[in-house]
Amino acid sequence: MKRIAWTEQARADVRSLDKNIAMRILSALHRFAESGTGDVKALQAGAEELRLRVGAYRLFFVLSGDDVIEVRRVRHRREAYR
């Protein structure tokens, strides 16, 4: 299982969400960390940042080394790509 590291901005993003939505996001992130399953795509060809889609929300993260997921932002899809 990969270790999950959060930036301060990502922590604030999750804290501002409704509890049910936050739990869905955390569940999807833990599922990805354990098994690598989920709707994950690279944002640009050659870029290191990836996104995990969870309903209407997007988690932006990078894989640091072999065992660390660094979550950078959690945004609603209407705000995520601006």
Protein backbone atom coordinates (compact mmCIF):
# COMPACT_ATOMS: atom_id res chain seq x y z
CA MET A 1 0.00 0.00 0.00
CA LYS A 2 1.21 3.46 -0.83
CA ARG A 3 1.55 6.18 1.83
CA ILE A 4 -0.63 9.28 1.38
CA ALA A 5 0.81 12.76 2.02
CA TRP A 6 -1.39 15.86 1.98
CA THR A 7 -0.43 19.45 1.23
CA GLU A 8 -1.96 22.10 3.49
CA GLN A 9 -4.11 23.32 0.60
CA ALA A 10 -5.49 19.82 -0.04
CA ARG A 11 -6.30 19.41 3.67
CA ALA A 12 -8.19 22.70 3.63
CA ASP A 13 -10.05 21.65 0.46
CA VAL A 14 -11.27 18.41 2.07
CA ARG A 15 -12.20 20.11 5.34
CA SER A 16 -14.44 22.56 3.47
CA LEU A 17 -16.50 19.75 1.90
CA ASP A 18 -19.65 18.08 3.17
CA LYS A 19 -18.81 15.06 5.36
CA ASN A 20 -20.42 12.51 2.99
CA ILE A 21 -18.51 13.84 -0.01
CA ALA A 22 -15.24 13.94 1.95
CA MET A 23 -15.71 10.31 3.00
CA ARG A 24 -16.33 9.24 -0.62
CA ILE A 25 -13.15 11.03 -1.68
CA LEU A 26 -11.08 9.48 1.09
CA SER A 27 -12.49 6.03 0.33
CA ALA A 28 -11.62 6.35 -3.37
CA LEU A 29 -8.12 7.59 -2.52
CA HIS A 30 -7.48 4.67 -0.15
CA ARG A 31 -8.79 2.22 -2.78
CA PHE A 32 -6.35 3.69 -5.29
CA ALA A 33 -3.48 3.55 -2.77
CA GLU A 34 -4.15 -0.13 -2.02
CA SER A 35 -4.95 -1.55 -5.43
CA GLY A 36 -4.26 1.13 -8.05
CA THR A 37 -7.88 1.10 -9.24
CA GLY A 38 -9.84 4.23 -10.03
CA ASP A 39 -10.42 6.77 -12.76
CA VAL A 40 -6.87 8.16 -12.90
CA LYS A 41 -5.42 10.08 -15.84
CA ALA A 42 -2.32 12.14 -16.50
CA LEU A 43 -3.23 15.78 -17.02
CA GLN A 44 -0.70 16.44 -19.79
CA ALA A 45 1.62 14.25 -21.79
CA GLY A 46 4.95 14.17 -19.98
CA ALA A 47 3.62 15.96 -16.89
CA GLU A 48 3.96 14.31 -13.50
CA GLU A 49 0.60 15.43 -12.07
CA LEU A 50 -2.32 13.00 -12.16
CA ARG A 51 -5.99 13.36 -11.34
CA LEU A 52 -8.40 10.96 -9.67
CA ARG A 53 -12.06 11.49 -10.54
CA VAL A 54 -14.55 10.92 -7.70
CA GLY A 55 -18.03 11.93 -8.83
CA ALA A 56 -17.99 15.69 -9.46
CA TYR A 57 -14.69 16.14 -7.60
CA ARG A 58 -11.09 15.83 -8.77
CA LEU A 59 -8.03 14.97 -6.67
CA PHE A 60 -4.79 16.27 -8.14
CA PHE A 61 -1.72 14.37 -6.99
CA VAL A 62 1.76 13.19 -7.90
CA LEU A 63 3.44 9.87 -7.25
CA SER A 64 6.62 10.62 -5.31
CA GLY A 65 8.93 7.66 -5.46
CA ASP A 66 7.42 4.19 -5.42
CA ASP A 67 5.34 4.42 -2.28
CA VAL A 68 4.07 8.00 -1.72
CA ILE A 69 0.98 9.73 -3.12
CA GLU A 70 1.22 13.49 -2.58
CA VAL A 71 -2.29 14.99 -2.80
CA ARG A 72 -2.03 18.61 -3.92
CA ARG A 73 -5.63 19.80 -4.48
CA VAL A 74 -9.21 18.60 -4.19
CA ARG A 75 -11.56 20.64 -6.38
CA HIS A 76 -15.07 20.48 -7.80
CA ARG A 77 -14.96 19.81 -11.53
CA ARG A 78 -16.31 23.26 -12.46
CA GLU A 79 -13.31 24.84 -10.67
CA ALA A 80 -10.68 22.17 -11.22
CA TYR A 81 -9.30 23.06 -14.63
CA ARG A 82 -9.34 26.86 -14.50
